Amino acid sequence: MDFPYRRPLLATEHGEFDVGAEALAFALARRHALPLDAVLPLPSNPEFEATAPAQAARAEAQAATSRIALQQQAAAQGVALDLRVRRGPDLHAEIVAEARERTSDLIVIRRRGQRGFLANLLVGEMVSRVIAHAPCSVLVAPRAAQLWRAGVLVGVDPEAPGAGMVAHAARLAAAGGVPLTLLAVAAREPGLAAAEQSLSALLPPARALGVQVRAEVRHGRVADALAAAARECGADLLVVGRRTGPPVRRALIGSNATRLLGAATGPVLVHIENTSP
């Protein structure tokens, strides 16, 4: 089964928190014989460059060093890497713009960056904004992320089951030769029957891909139920959907997604079906 993404884009600042995203992106490119695009966003604006030229010069030098290191890493792993440095005041905007220009179908990015006064954040603000505005799906990787080898778990919204998301998750499971679990979480017990009905319609198409599939319904808080189910079934890739809407209404991702991304021990794929701006 073919990997469902053909134009992955690695977004990295090549820092200690980017290690997992870089390793995951290189592993995907190598395993599925894909060329890998990459963007290294560099904070920059005319005022900064005018008032702190020495600091700006150091940032440029560090970006050049990071670029060389990433190219060497790609060459050592046999990955064709096309890396660009983008400069701007808002790093998330540069990453999103790069994905649009390259018509990327997947962004691979770290979960969070340097800890500071925002140390309690489960997901970095820059990452959250990339997910909120991305024109394509986003694969979020913690520092210790690895290519999934045990199973894929997809969270299904019982009120709006996403057949496209489940199909992508099934193709990911098939490409990796791992089982797939569909989990629908109802907020209250009376909603369990509707959740079961939603799942029953999604099983046959997934099984048609030759994937071992099981379905389960739970009730409770979505993020907690998904994280618990992933631990119990051993799934090392979570797949969830992102609701689309006008940019002003999705400046940041929701609390459920934030909690899930923060609690997950492995990578989380945020599937975006509608790519309209």
Protein backbone atom coordinates (compact mmCIF):
# COMPACT_ATOMS: atom_id res chain seq x y z
CA MET A 1 0.00 0.00 0.00
CA ASP A 2 1.34 3.41 -0.97
CA PHE A 3 2.08 6.00 1.67
CA PRO A 4 -0.75 8.57 1.46
CA TYR A 5 1.56 11.60 1.36
CA ARG A 6 3.92 12.45 -1.50
CA ARG A 7 5.21 15.96 -0.63
CA PRO A 8 6.25 16.07 3.04
CA LEU A 9 7.71 19.28 4.44
CA LEU A 10 9.96 19.24 7.49
CA ALA A 11 9.69 22.46 9.52
CA THR A 12 12.65 22.78 11.87
CA GLU A 13 14.88 25.27 13.65
CA HIS A 14 17.39 22.43 14.13
CA GLY A 15 17.40 22.79 17.91
CA GLU A 16 17.25 20.17 20.64
CA PHE A 17 13.44 20.07 20.53
CA ASP A 18 13.44 19.43 16.76
CA VAL A 19 15.34 16.14 17.00
CA GLY A 20 12.21 13.97 16.93
CA ALA A 21 10.62 15.78 13.99
CA GLU A 22 13.84 15.58 11.98
CA ALA A 23 14.31 11.88 12.72
CA LEU A 24 10.69 11.13 11.83
CA ALA A 25 10.78 13.11 8.58
CA PHE A 26 14.01 11.46 7.45
CA ALA A 27 12.67 8.01 8.35
CA LEU A 28 9.46 8.57 6.37
CA ALA A 29 11.38 9.84 3.34
CA ARG A 30 13.80 6.93 3.48
CA ARG A 31 11.19 4.23 4.04
CA HIS A 32 8.84 5.41 1.31
CA ALA A 33 11.50 6.63 -1.16
CA LEU A 34 10.26 10.22 -1.06
CA PRO A 35 12.15 13.46 -1.64
CA LEU A 36 12.01 15.65 1.45
CA ASP A 37 11.35 19.39 1.44
CA ALA A 38 12.39 21.38 4.49
CA VAL A 39 12.03 24.92 5.79
CA LEU A 40 14.18 26.55 8.45
CA PRO A 41 12.30 29.65 9.68
CA LEU A 42 14.48 32.47 10.94
CA PRO A 43 13.03 35.30 13.07
CA SER A 44 13.84 38.57 11.36
CA ASN A 45 12.48 42.05 10.76
CA PRO A 46 14.00 45.38 9.71
CA GLU A 47 13.80 46.85 13.22
CA PHE A 48 15.59 43.86 14.74
CA GLU A 49 18.31 43.94 12.12
CA ALA A 50 18.80 47.69 12.57
CA THR A 51 18.88 47.76 16.36
CA ALA A 52 20.75 44.47 16.95
CA PRO A 53 22.96 43.85 13.92
CA ALA A 54 25.39 41.62 15.83
CA GLN A 55 22.57 39.40 17.09
CA ALA A 56 21.06 39.24 13.62
CA ALA A 57 24.44 38.22 12.19
CA ARG A 58 24.77 35.45 14.77
CA ALA A 59 21.31 34.17 13.87
CA GLU A 60 22.25 34.10 10.17
CA ALA A 61 25.47 32.25 10.96
CA GLN A 62 23.60 29.71 13.07
CA ALA A 63 21.07 29.19 10.27
CA ALA A 64 23.90 28.54 7.82
CA THR A 65 25.45 26.01 10.20
CA SER A 66 22.10 24.29 10.72
CA ARG A 67 21.52 24.13 6.99
CA ILE A 68 24.85 22.42 6.39
CA ALA A 69 24.22 19.97 9.25
CA LEU A 70 20.78 19.01 7.90
CA GLN A 71 22.10 18.53 4.39
CA GLN A 72 24.88 16.31 5.69
CA GLN A 73 22.39 14.32 7.74
CA ALA A 74 20.17 13.83 4.69
CA ALA A 75 23.10 12.75 2.51
CA ALA A 76 24.23 10.23 5.13
CA GLN A 77 20.73 8.69 5.13
CA GLY A 78 20.30 8.74 1.36
CA VAL A 79 17.50 11.30 1.46
CA ALA A 80 17.13 13.97 -1.24
CA LEU A 81 16.65 17.16 0.79
CA ASP A 82 15.53 20.52 -0.60
CA LEU A 83 15.98 22.98 2.27
CA ARG A 84 15.07 26.65 2.27
CA VAL A 85 15.63 29.32 4.92
CA ARG A 86 12.72 31.74 5.34
CA ARG A 87 12.99 35.00 7.24
CA GLY A 88 10.11 36.86 8.86
CA PRO A 89 8.69 38.14 12.15
CA ASP A 90 6.19 35.27 12.54
CA LEU A 91 7.73 31.81 12.21
CA HIS A 92 4.40 30.01 11.84
CA ALA A 93 3.46 32.26 8.92
CA GLU A 94 6.70 31.43 7.13
CA ILE A 95 6.14 27.70 7.58
CA VAL A 96 2.55 27.90 6.34
CA ALA A 97 3.59 30.05 3.36
CA GLU A 98 6.31 27.55 2.46
CA ALA A 99 3.82 24.68 2.59
CA ARG A 100 1.48 26.58 0.28
CA GLU A 101 4.22 27.47 -2.20
CA ARG A 102 5.46 23.91 -2.37
CA THR A 103 1.93 22.41 -2.38
CA SER A 104 2.99 20.22 0.53
CA ASP A 105 0.54 17.55 1.66
CA LEU A 106 2.15 16.97 5.07
CA ILE A 107 4.08 19.17 7.51
CA VAL A 108 6.33 17.42 10.04
CA ILE A 109 7.05 19.61 13.06
CA ARG A 110 8.14 19.41 16.70
CA ARG A 111 5.63 19.49 19.55
CA ARG A 112 7.08 22.43 21.46
CA GLY A 113 10.23 24.49 21.71
CA GLN A 114 12.40 26.12 24.33
CA ARG A 115 10.91 26.28 27.81
CA GLY A 116 10.74 29.64 29.48
CA PHE A 117 7.94 31.67 30.97
CA LEU A 118 5.60 29.48 28.87
CA ALA A 119 6.99 26.31 30.43
CA ASN A 120 3.54 24.95 31.21
CA LEU A 121 2.48 24.88 27.57
CA LEU A 122 1.69 21.38 26.31
CA VAL A 123 2.15 22.50 22.71
CA GLY A 124 4.32 25.38 21.57
CA GLU A 125 2.42 28.47 20.44
CA MET A 126 4.23 28.52 17.09
CA VAL A 127 3.31 24.87 16.52
CA SER A 128 -0.28 25.48 17.56
CA ARG A 129 -0.55 28.31 15.02
CA VAL A 130 0.94 26.17 12.27
CA ILE A 131 -1.69 23.49 12.94
CA ALA A 132 -4.45 26.09 13.01
CA HIS A 133 -3.50 27.66 9.67
CA ALA A 134 -1.82 24.83 7.76
CA PRO A 135 -3.11 24.08 4.26
CA CYS A 136 -2.39 20.37 4.77
CA SER A 137 -2.14 17.73 7.47
CA VAL A 138 0.44 18.19 10.24
CA LEU A 139 2.48 15.45 11.89
CA VAL A 140 3.52 16.62 15.38
CA ALA A 141 6.54 14.88 16.87
CA PRO A 142 7.81 14.87 20.46
CA ARG A 143 11.56 14.86 21.04
CA ALA A 144 11.77 11.06 21.23
CA ALA A 145 9.50 10.42 18.22
CA GLN A 146 10.14 7.36 16.07
CA LEU A 147 8.48 5.83 13.05
CA TRP A 148 5.39 3.94 14.21
CA ARG A 149 5.78 0.17 14.29
CA ALA A 150 3.01 -1.07 16.60
CA GLY A 151 -0.32 0.42 15.56
CA VAL A 152 -2.37 3.41 14.48
CA LEU A 153 -5.29 4.80 16.47
CA VAL A 154 -7.70 7.28 14.91
CA GLY A 155 -10.13 9.37 16.91
CA VAL A 156 -13.53 9.56 15.22
CA ASP A 157 -15.97 12.35 15.99
CA PRO A 158 -19.33 10.53 16.38
CA GLU A 159 -21.21 13.66 15.31
CA ALA A 160 -19.12 14.21 12.19
CA PRO A 161 -17.25 11.02 11.27
CA GLY A 162 -14.53 11.82 8.78
CA ALA A 163 -14.35 9.09 6.15
CA GLY A 164 -11.36 10.79 4.52
CA MET A 165 -9.44 10.88 7.78
CA VAL A 166 -10.13 7.21 8.46
CA ALA A 167 -9.08 6.31 4.92
CA HIS A 168 -5.77 8.14 5.43
CA ALA A 169 -5.25 6.40 8.77
CA ALA A 170 -5.97 3.03 7.15
CA ARG A 171 -3.43 3.73 4.40
CA LEU A 172 -0.86 4.73 7.01
CA ALA A 173 -1.49 1.48 8.88
CA ALA A 174 -1.34 -0.55 5.66
CA ALA A 175 1.89 1.12 4.55
CA GLY A 176 3.45 0.33 7.92
CA GLY A 177 2.00 -3.17 8.19
CA VAL A 178 0.37 -2.40 11.56
CA PRO A 179 -3.20 -2.72 12.89
CA LEU A 180 -5.69 0.13 13.00
CA THR A 181 -8.01 1.04 15.85
CA LEU A 182 -11.02 3.33 15.38
CA LEU A 183 -12.16 5.03 18.56
CA ALA A 184 -15.27 7.18 18.92
CA VAL A 185 -15.66 9.07 22.17
CA ALA A 186 -19.11 10.18 23.28
CA ALA A 187 -19.36 12.93 25.87
CA ARG A 188 -22.15 11.06 27.67
CA GLU A 189 -23.42 7.51 27.79
CA PRO A 190 -26.65 8.26 25.84
CA GLY A 191 -24.46 9.06 22.84
CA LEU A 192 -22.79 5.65 22.72
CA ALA A 193 -25.34 4.12 20.34
CA ALA A 194 -24.88 6.91 17.79
CA ALA A 195 -21.12 6.55 18.08
CA GLU A 196 -21.31 2.83 17.40
CA GLN A 197 -23.44 3.49 14.34
CA SER A 198 -20.90 6.00 13.05
CA LEU A 199 -18.08 3.50 13.39
CA SER A 200 -19.93 0.62 11.73
CA ALA A 201 -20.05 2.51 8.43
CA LEU A 202 -16.30 3.20 8.53
CA LEU A 203 -15.09 -0.35 9.08
CA PRO A 204 -15.67 -1.95 5.64
CA PRO A 205 -13.65 0.63 3.60
CA ALA A 206 -10.74 0.34 6.02
CA ARG A 207 -10.78 -3.45 5.93
CA ALA A 208 -10.90 -3.35 2.13
CA LEU A 209 -7.34 -2.04 2.24
CA GLY A 210 -6.21 -5.26 3.88
CA VAL A 211 -5.73 -3.70 7.30
CA GLN A 212 -6.53 -5.43 10.58
CA VAL A 213 -9.16 -3.09 12.05
CA ARG A 214 -11.01 -2.94 15.33
CA ALA A 215 -13.49 -0.36 16.57
CA GLU A 216 -14.32 0.81 20.06
CA VAL A 217 -16.64 3.34 21.66
CA ARG A 218 -15.98 5.11 24.97
CA HIS A 219 -17.48 8.02 26.81
CA GLY A 220 -15.71 10.78 28.69
CA ARG A 221 -13.24 13.52 27.83
CA VAL A 222 -11.99 13.07 24.28
CA ALA A 223 -8.30 13.75 24.85
CA ASP A 224 -8.10 11.58 27.96
CA ALA A 225 -9.97 8.69 26.32
CA LEU A 226 -7.79 8.74 23.20
CA ALA A 227 -4.54 8.90 25.16
CA ALA A 228 -5.66 6.05 27.44
CA ALA A 229 -6.79 3.90 24.51
CA ALA A 230 -3.49 4.42 22.71
CA ARG A 231 -1.58 3.25 25.76
CA GLU A 232 -3.81 0.22 26.22
CA CYS A 233 -3.66 -0.99 22.61
CA GLY A 234 -0.03 -0.02 22.09
CA ALA A 235 -0.69 2.37 19.21
CA ASP A 236 2.34 4.55 18.53
CA LEU A 237 0.62 6.92 16.07
CA LEU A 238 -2.52 8.90 16.86
CA VAL A 239 -4.65 10.44 14.11
CA VAL A 240 -7.16 13.20 14.84
CA GLY A 241 -9.02 15.73 12.71
CA ARG A 242 -8.95 19.51 12.74
CA ARG A 243 -12.12 21.46 12.24
CA THR A 244 -11.80 23.97 9.44
CA GLY A 245 -13.12 27.50 9.30
CA PRO A 246 -12.12 31.12 8.62
CA PRO A 247 -8.62 31.94 9.91
CA VAL A 248 -10.02 34.44 12.42
CA ARG A 249 -11.97 31.60 14.05
CA ARG A 250 -9.03 29.22 14.27
CA ALA A 251 -6.15 31.32 15.52
CA LEU A 252 -5.13 28.46 17.80
CA ILE A 253 -6.10 24.81 18.11
CA GLY A 254 -8.73 23.74 20.62
CA SER A 255 -8.20 22.55 24.17
CA ASN A 256 -8.95 18.89 23.34
CA ALA A 257 -6.25 18.84 20.65
CA THR A 258 -3.81 20.65 22.93
CA ARG A 259 -4.31 18.15 25.76
CA LEU A 260 -4.00 15.19 23.39
CA LEU A 261 -0.84 16.48 21.75
CA GLY A 262 0.68 17.15 25.15
CA ALA A 263 -0.24 13.75 26.58
CA ALA A 264 0.78 11.61 23.60
CA THR A 265 4.08 9.77 23.91
CA GLY A 266 4.40 9.31 20.16
CA PRO A 267 3.65 11.36 17.06
CA VAL A 268 0.17 12.74 16.42
CA LEU A 269 -1.16 13.33 12.91
CA VAL A 270 -3.63 16.21 12.70
CA HIS A 271 -5.57 15.44 9.54
CA ILE A 272 -6.94 18.37 7.58
CA GLU A 273 -9.48 17.41 4.95
CA ASN A 274 -10.54 20.85 3.72
CA THR A 275 -7.52 22.77 2.43
CA SER A 276 -9.30 26.01 1.67
CA PRO A 277 -7.75 29.07 3.35
